[in-house]
Amino acid sequence: MNIEQMKLVLEEILTKTNLTPCVVGHRGVGKTAGVIQVCREIGRRYKSLRLGQMEVGDLVGMPYRQEEVMHWSRPSWWPVADDPETVIHCDELNRAQQEDTLQAIFQFVEPPSEGQHRALHTHKLDPKHKVVVSINPPDGTYQVATLDRALLDRMVILHVETDYACWARYAKSRQLDSGVQQFLAGNPNLLARQGSSLDMQMEPTERAWEMVSALRKHCRFPADLEMEVYAGIVGKEAAIMFLRWCAEQQSRPVTAREILDNWDLVAIKVKSQRDDQQAVSMNDVVTSLEVEPQMTAVQEQNLVNYIGVLPRDMRFGLVKSLVKNPLVAAAIIQDKYDAVVLDSIAEISREAS
């Protein structure tokens, strides 16, 4: 993606999620300037941490003793709750020269767990403040440390590359020298020459898919950027497969929540589902009821209605899975539901004997 696209994605992530974007690009492409411009556009204060120049004490503060307890002073750069909304830019993350500095910042760039605050040692960051990272690619042309997969897995990797049209608009807006603009209009190849591929070899993990889920739930990206954003989390291959699956699923399988809470609205759609779509719905129902087995009377009836429209073999398979859950079993084996589930219960009993 180019700088303009990166800024659009950054704004979405910083204003709508607690995730940590990591901008990866070659020198001079405009990573830092782009982050500063985003902060200006969204009305946030910008604070830069040049990690290549910092030690652990600069990050966690200096230790001091108070009676029998050891404390760490708050670093001067650390924004408190009363400060304006701030974006803390961890610049040159992989230029941290000391291993312990990189280990210290690891906790800070990790998105906070649900209900928790982002932290750095004993310091807790107010949720209104956000964190963004930028690095040069570890392609052998920069003096940078290799970031391990555990650290990369905690960030949304955004690859930024030189784009003449994007630079030309920037040059025009900043009123750069007209001679420079005209020369590069005829020689766009003389902008920054890229080094090796920016591929960071990201791989899908449970945490990565959770980040993709958060982005899909809270952010809206142009279609041509979606793949690039997700590829920076789960890898290019998984991102392509996922978006291809989304495109192919024009008629998405009905979800468990739709079945349990809005049966009247989805009943026709459920009946017309292909077997593979029906299998997705069934699995979602089983999993949802494992997590939250308590149902209202309406949900019980909706579940039984769903069981009733399934083909006989699928009905048997679903009931067999559901009766393993005591609370769900107690609900669906009531006499009033015999017309729908009795055959399946009887078949299960014969199979058991």
Protein backbone atom coordinates (compact mmCIF):
# COMPACT_ATOMS: atom_id res chain seq x y z
CA MET A 1 0.00 0.00 0.00
CA ASN A 2 1.14 3.59 -0.47
CA ILE A 3 1.35 6.27 2.23
CA GLU A 4 -2.15 7.63 1.58
CA GLN A 5 -3.61 4.14 1.94
CA MET A 6 -1.53 3.51 5.04
CA LYS A 7 -2.89 6.69 6.62
CA LEU A 8 -6.46 5.59 5.93
CA VAL A 9 -5.86 2.19 7.53
CA LEU A 10 -4.01 3.72 10.49
CA GLU A 11 -6.87 6.10 11.21
CA GLU A 12 -9.37 3.23 11.25
CA ILE A 13 -7.24 1.10 13.57
CA LEU A 14 -6.23 3.87 15.98
CA THR A 15 -9.70 5.38 16.35
CA LYS A 16 -11.76 2.18 16.44
CA THR A 17 -9.62 -0.57 18.03
CA ASN A 18 -6.93 -1.20 20.65
CA LEU A 19 -4.74 -3.10 18.19
CA THR A 20 -1.14 -2.09 17.50
CA PRO A 21 -0.37 -1.26 13.85
CA CYS A 22 3.24 -1.74 12.71
CA VAL A 23 4.26 0.20 9.60
CA VAL A 24 7.01 -1.57 7.64
CA GLY A 25 8.79 0.26 4.84
CA HIS A 26 12.13 1.21 3.34
CA ARG A 27 13.96 4.39 4.32
CA GLY A 28 12.54 7.67 3.10
CA VAL A 29 9.16 6.31 2.07
CA GLY A 30 7.34 8.53 4.59
CA LYS A 31 6.46 6.22 7.48
CA THR A 32 7.06 8.73 10.27
CA ALA A 33 5.60 11.67 8.37
CA GLY A 34 2.50 9.59 7.63
CA VAL A 35 2.00 8.73 11.31
CA ILE A 36 2.39 12.40 12.30
CA GLN A 37 -0.13 13.47 9.65
CA VAL A 38 -2.66 10.89 10.88
CA CYS A 39 -2.27 12.21 14.45
CA ARG A 40 -2.88 15.73 13.22
CA GLU A 41 -5.94 14.70 11.20
CA ILE A 42 -7.58 12.77 14.06
CA GLY A 43 -6.72 15.42 16.66
CA ARG A 44 -4.28 13.39 18.74
CA ARG A 45 -1.00 14.45 20.29
CA TYR A 46 2.06 12.75 18.81
CA LYS A 47 4.86 11.33 20.97
CA SER A 48 7.88 9.64 19.40
CA LEU A 49 10.07 7.03 21.09
CA ARG A 50 13.31 6.46 19.16
CA LEU A 51 13.95 3.01 20.50
CA GLY A 52 17.36 2.75 18.85
CA GLN A 53 18.50 5.43 21.32
CA MET A 54 16.79 4.12 24.45
CA GLU A 55 17.69 1.81 27.30
CA VAL A 56 15.42 -0.13 29.63
CA GLY A 57 15.49 2.66 32.22
CA ASP A 58 14.18 5.12 29.63
CA LEU A 59 11.16 2.87 29.17
CA VAL A 60 10.28 1.53 32.61
CA GLY A 61 11.63 4.43 34.70
CA MET A 62 14.28 4.47 37.40
CA PRO A 63 13.80 2.34 40.53
CA TYR A 64 13.42 3.94 43.95
CA ARG A 65 12.65 2.59 47.38
CA GLN A 66 9.74 3.71 49.51
CA GLU A 67 9.99 2.12 52.93
CA GLU A 68 10.14 -1.61 52.19
CA VAL A 69 8.69 -1.42 48.66
CA MET A 70 10.54 -0.92 45.37
CA HIS A 71 8.85 1.38 42.83
CA TRP A 72 9.70 2.66 39.36
CA SER A 73 9.37 6.34 38.49
CA ARG A 74 7.10 7.27 35.58
CA PRO A 75 9.11 8.10 32.44
CA SER A 76 8.81 11.72 31.30
CA TRP A 77 7.26 10.64 27.98
CA TRP A 78 4.50 8.56 29.57
CA PRO A 79 1.06 10.18 29.04
CA VAL A 80 -1.28 10.12 32.03
CA ALA A 81 -5.07 10.06 32.14
CA ASP A 82 -5.35 13.87 32.24
CA ASP A 83 -3.18 14.38 29.16
CA PRO A 84 -4.71 14.92 25.70
CA GLU A 85 -5.32 11.78 23.64
CA THR A 86 -1.88 10.68 22.52
CA VAL A 87 -0.42 8.34 19.92
CA ILE A 88 2.88 6.92 21.13
CA HIS A 89 5.04 6.11 18.11
CA CYS A 90 7.55 3.35 18.85
CA ASP A 91 9.87 4.30 16.01
CA GLU A 92 12.73 2.08 14.90
CA LEU A 93 11.49 -0.78 17.08
CA ASN A 94 13.90 -3.27 15.55
CA ARG A 95 16.84 -0.88 15.95
CA ALA A 96 16.82 -1.35 19.73
CA GLN A 97 20.46 -2.22 20.25
CA GLN A 98 20.07 -4.02 23.57
CA GLU A 99 18.12 -7.24 23.85
CA ASP A 100 16.62 -6.22 27.19
CA THR A 101 15.27 -3.01 25.63
CA LEU A 102 13.43 -5.03 23.02
CA GLN A 103 12.13 -7.39 25.70
CA ALA A 104 10.90 -4.44 27.78
CA ILE A 105 8.93 -2.89 24.92
CA PHE A 106 7.39 -6.27 24.03
CA GLN A 107 4.75 -5.88 26.73
CA PHE A 108 3.93 -2.33 25.66
CA VAL A 109 3.18 -3.08 22.01
CA GLU A 110 0.94 -6.01 22.94
CA PRO A 111 -2.76 -5.06 22.69
CA PRO A 112 -4.39 -5.15 26.14
CA SER A 113 -6.49 -8.15 27.09
CA GLU A 114 -10.21 -7.59 27.47
CA GLY A 115 -10.90 -5.38 30.47
CA GLN A 116 -7.18 -4.68 31.02
CA HIS A 117 -4.94 -1.68 30.31
CA ARG A 118 -1.91 -1.65 28.07
CA ALA A 119 1.09 -1.77 30.36
CA LEU A 120 4.85 -1.32 30.57
CA HIS A 121 6.27 -2.93 33.69
CA THR A 122 4.35 -1.32 36.60
CA HIS A 123 2.87 1.52 34.53
CA LYS A 124 -0.68 1.29 33.15
CA LEU A 125 -1.62 3.28 30.04
CA ASP A 126 -4.99 4.98 29.95
CA PRO A 127 -7.14 3.37 27.18
CA LYS A 128 -7.57 6.71 25.38
CA HIS A 129 -3.88 6.65 24.43
CA LYS A 130 -2.80 4.49 21.46
CA VAL A 131 0.42 2.89 20.26
CA VAL A 132 1.82 2.59 16.74
CA VAL A 133 5.09 0.97 15.66
CA SER A 134 7.31 1.50 12.61
CA ILE A 135 10.33 -0.48 11.40
CA ASN A 136 12.61 -0.96 8.42
CA PRO A 137 12.27 -4.42 6.88
CA PRO A 138 14.78 -7.03 8.10
CA ASP A 139 16.00 -7.75 4.57
CA GLY A 140 19.74 -7.52 5.19
CA THR A 141 20.13 -3.91 4.00
CA TYR A 142 19.51 -2.34 7.44
CA GLN A 143 21.26 -2.72 10.79
CA VAL A 144 18.21 -4.06 12.57
CA ALA A 145 17.37 -6.85 14.98
CA THR A 146 15.24 -9.78 13.89
CA LEU A 147 11.82 -9.64 15.53
CA ASP A 148 10.58 -13.01 16.71
CA ARG A 149 7.20 -14.40 15.69
CA ALA A 150 5.73 -13.91 19.15
CA LEU A 151 6.25 -10.15 18.86
CA LEU A 152 5.10 -9.90 15.24
CA ASP A 153 2.00 -11.90 16.15
CA ARG A 154 0.88 -9.07 18.43
CA MET A 155 0.83 -6.38 15.75
CA VAL A 156 -1.01 -5.57 12.53
CA ILE A 157 1.76 -5.39 9.91
CA LEU A 158 1.22 -2.70 7.25
CA HIS A 159 3.64 -2.81 4.31
CA VAL A 160 4.24 0.62 2.73
CA GLU A 161 5.96 1.11 -0.62
CA THR A 162 6.94 4.02 -2.87
CA ASP A 163 4.17 5.23 -5.18
CA TYR A 164 4.89 8.07 -7.59
CA ALA A 165 1.28 9.31 -7.88
CA CYS A 166 1.02 9.46 -4.10
CA TRP A 167 4.33 11.32 -3.80
CA ALA A 168 3.37 13.75 -6.58
CA ARG A 169 0.21 14.74 -4.71
CA TYR A 170 2.24 15.20 -1.53
CA ALA A 171 4.84 17.31 -3.36
CA LYS A 172 2.13 19.49 -4.86
CA SER A 173 0.42 20.04 -1.50
CA ARG A 174 3.74 20.93 0.17
CA GLN A 175 4.71 23.20 -2.73
CA LEU A 176 8.03 21.49 -3.29
CA ASP A 177 10.34 22.98 -5.89
CA SER A 178 8.65 22.90 -9.31
CA GLY A 179 11.86 21.78 -10.98
CA VAL A 180 12.08 18.74 -8.70
CA GLN A 181 8.42 17.92 -9.32
CA GLN A 182 8.78 18.18 -13.11
CA PHE A 183 12.00 16.18 -13.18
CA LEU A 184 10.48 13.30 -11.17
CA ALA A 185 7.33 13.42 -13.30
CA GLY A 186 9.56 12.31 -16.17
CA ASN A 187 11.80 10.08 -14.05
CA PRO A 188 9.60 8.45 -11.41
CA ASN A 189 12.08 5.58 -11.18
CA LEU A 190 14.41 7.95 -9.33
CA LEU A 191 12.25 7.97 -6.23
CA ALA A 192 13.41 5.65 -3.44
CA ARG A 193 14.51 2.34 -4.86
CA GLN A 194 13.05 -0.53 -2.96
CA GLY A 195 15.18 -3.23 -1.47
CA SER A 196 14.04 -6.79 -1.09
CA SER A 197 10.44 -7.86 -0.70
CA LEU A 198 8.68 -6.58 2.40
CA ASP A 199 7.19 -10.01 3.09
CA MET A 200 7.50 -10.62 6.85
CA GLN A 201 6.30 -14.21 6.48
CA MET A 202 3.34 -13.75 8.78
CA GLU A 203 1.45 -16.90 9.67
CA PRO A 204 -2.08 -17.55 10.92
CA THR A 205 -2.51 -18.07 14.66
CA GLU A 206 -5.46 -17.93 17.05
CA ARG A 207 -4.41 -14.44 18.17
CA ALA A 208 -4.02 -13.32 14.55
CA TRP A 209 -7.55 -14.43 13.61
CA GLU A 210 -8.87 -12.63 16.69
CA MET A 211 -7.26 -9.43 15.39
CA VAL A 212 -8.79 -9.99 11.95
CA SER A 213 -12.14 -10.44 13.69
CA ALA A 214 -11.71 -7.15 15.59
CA LEU A 215 -10.85 -5.29 12.38
CA ARG A 216 -13.82 -6.73 10.50
CA LYS A 217 -16.13 -5.86 13.38
CA HIS A 218 -14.98 -2.28 13.98
CA CYS A 219 -13.18 -1.01 10.85
CA ARG A 220 -14.10 -0.41 7.23
CA PHE A 221 -11.34 -0.66 4.61
CA PRO A 222 -11.58 -0.21 0.83
CA ALA A 223 -11.85 -3.59 -0.88
CA ASP A 224 -8.44 -3.22 -2.52
CA LEU A 225 -6.78 -2.76 0.89
CA GLU A 226 -8.54 -5.50 2.82
CA MET A 227 -6.27 -8.27 1.58
CA GLU A 228 -3.12 -6.27 2.35
CA VAL A 229 -4.28 -5.52 5.89
CA TYR A 230 -5.23 -9.11 6.66
CA ALA A 231 -2.07 -10.44 4.99
CA GLY A 232 -0.11 -8.39 7.52
CA ILE A 233 -1.76 -10.42 10.28
CA VAL A 234 -2.31 -13.99 9.04
CA GLY A 235 -0.02 -14.06 5.99
CA LYS A 236 -0.80 -13.61 2.32
CA GLU A 237 -1.92 -17.17 1.62
CA ALA A 238 -4.39 -17.32 4.51
CA ALA A 239 -5.69 -13.82 3.72
CA ILE A 240 -6.34 -14.75 0.08
CA MET A 241 -8.10 -17.95 1.10
CA PHE A 242 -10.23 -16.13 3.68
CA LEU A 243 -11.33 -13.33 1.36
CA ARG A 244 -11.97 -15.79 -1.45
CA TRP A 245 -14.16 -17.79 0.92
CA CYS A 246 -16.00 -14.60 1.91
CA ALA A 247 -16.59 -13.74 -1.74
CA GLU A 248 -17.87 -17.23 -2.51
CA GLN A 249 -20.22 -17.18 0.44
CA GLN A 250 -22.76 -14.85 -1.09
CA SER A 251 -25.34 -16.74 0.88
CA ARG A 252 -23.60 -17.10 4.22
CA PRO A 253 -24.53 -20.02 6.48
CA VAL A 254 -27.06 -18.99 9.07
CA THR A 255 -25.48 -18.41 12.48
CA ALA A 256 -26.50 -19.95 15.79
CA ARG A 257 -27.60 -16.56 17.11
CA GLU A 258 -29.89 -16.07 14.12
CA ILE A 259 -31.39 -19.53 14.61
CA LEU A 260 -31.92 -19.12 18.35
CA ASP A 261 -32.99 -15.48 18.41
CA ASN A 262 -34.55 -14.76 15.00
CA TRP A 263 -35.91 -18.06 13.68
CA ASP A 264 -38.86 -16.51 11.88
CA LEU A 265 -36.50 -14.31 9.85
CA VAL A 266 -34.13 -17.09 8.78
CA ALA A 267 -36.37 -20.17 8.57
CA ILE A 268 -36.72 -20.03 4.77
CA LYS A 269 -33.01 -19.42 4.33
CA VAL A 270 -32.15 -22.37 6.59
CA LYS A 271 -34.33 -24.76 4.61
CA SER A 272 -32.58 -23.81 1.36
CA GLN A 273 -29.03 -24.18 2.66
CA ARG A 274 -26.69 -26.66 0.99
CA ASP A 275 -25.39 -29.52 3.12
CA ASP A 276 -22.01 -27.86 3.62
CA GLN A 277 -23.67 -24.64 4.75
CA GLN A 278 -25.97 -26.59 7.02
CA ALA A 279 -22.97 -28.27 8.60
CA VAL A 280 -21.50 -24.85 9.43
CA SER A 281 -24.77 -23.78 11.05
CA MET A 282 -25.02 -27.01 13.03
CA ASN A 283 -21.45 -26.71 14.33
CA ASP A 284 -22.10 -23.11 15.32
CA VAL A 285 -25.23 -24.13 17.22
CA VAL A 286 -23.39 -26.87 19.10
CA THR A 287 -20.45 -24.61 19.98
CA SER A 288 -22.65 -21.69 21.01
CA LEU A 289 -24.69 -23.86 23.34
CA GLU A 290 -21.54 -25.35 24.85
CA VAL A 291 -20.44 -21.84 25.76
CA GLU A 292 -23.89 -20.59 26.81
CA PRO A 293 -26.22 -23.57 27.40
CA GLN A 294 -28.97 -21.69 29.24
CA MET A 295 -31.84 -20.89 26.84
CA THR A 296 -35.05 -18.94 27.11
CA ALA A 297 -38.34 -20.62 26.26
CA VAL A 298 -38.34 -18.87 22.87
CA GLN A 299 -34.80 -20.05 22.13
CA GLU A 300 -35.75 -23.62 23.07
CA GLN A 301 -38.63 -23.55 20.61
CA ASN A 302 -36.46 -22.01 17.91
CA LEU A 303 -33.83 -24.71 18.41
CA VAL A 304 -36.44 -27.43 18.09
CA ASN A 305 -37.84 -25.73 14.98
CA TYR A 306 -34.37 -25.81 13.47
CA ILE A 307 -33.91 -29.48 14.31
CA GLY A 308 -37.25 -30.16 12.67
CA VAL A 309 -36.28 -28.80 9.24
CA LEU A 310 -33.05 -30.77 8.99
CA PRO A 311 -32.77 -33.94 6.88
CA ARG A 312 -33.07 -37.07 9.02
CA ASP A 313 -29.35 -37.92 9.12
CA MET A 314 -28.37 -34.35 9.98
CA ARG A 315 -31.13 -34.17 12.58
CA PHE A 316 -29.79 -37.31 14.23
CA GLY A 317 -26.21 -35.97 14.20
CA LEU A 318 -27.21 -32.62 15.71
CA VAL A 319 -29.37 -34.13 18.46
CA LYS A 320 -26.59 -36.61 19.28
CA SER A 321 -24.21 -33.71 19.82
CA LEU A 322 -26.72 -31.61 21.76
CA VAL A 323 -27.73 -34.28 24.28
CA LYS A 324 -24.12 -34.45 25.48
CA ASN A 325 -24.80 -31.07 27.06
CA PRO A 326 -26.98 -31.70 30.18
CA LEU A 327 -28.77 -28.34 30.17
CA VAL A 328 -29.54 -28.52 26.46
CA ALA A 329 -30.57 -32.17 26.73
CA ALA A 330 -33.02 -31.33 29.51
CA ALA A 331 -34.60 -28.70 27.28
CA ILE A 332 -35.06 -30.68 24.06
CA ILE A 333 -36.23 -34.01 25.58
CA GLN A 334 -39.37 -32.46 27.03
CA ASP A 335 -42.56 -34.29 26.02
CA LYS A 336 -43.85 -31.34 24.05
CA TYR A 337 -40.95 -31.70 21.61
CA ASP A 338 -41.35 -35.43 21.03
CA ALA A 339 -42.75 -34.96 17.54
CA VAL A 340 -39.44 -33.49 16.44
CA VAL A 341 -36.71 -35.14 18.52
CA LEU A 342 -38.19 -38.46 19.67
CA ASP A 343 -37.00 -40.43 16.63
CA SER A 344 -33.49 -39.13 17.07
CA ILE A 345 -33.46 -39.90 20.79
CA ALA A 346 -34.71 -43.40 20.09
CA GLU A 347 -32.02 -43.93 17.46
CA ILE A 348 -29.35 -42.75 19.88
CA SER A 349 -30.66 -45.18 22.50
CA ARG A 350 -30.58 -48.09 20.01
CA GLU A 351 -27.04 -47.13 18.97
CA ALA A 352 -25.93 -47.06 22.61
CA SER A 353 -27.38 -50.49 23.32
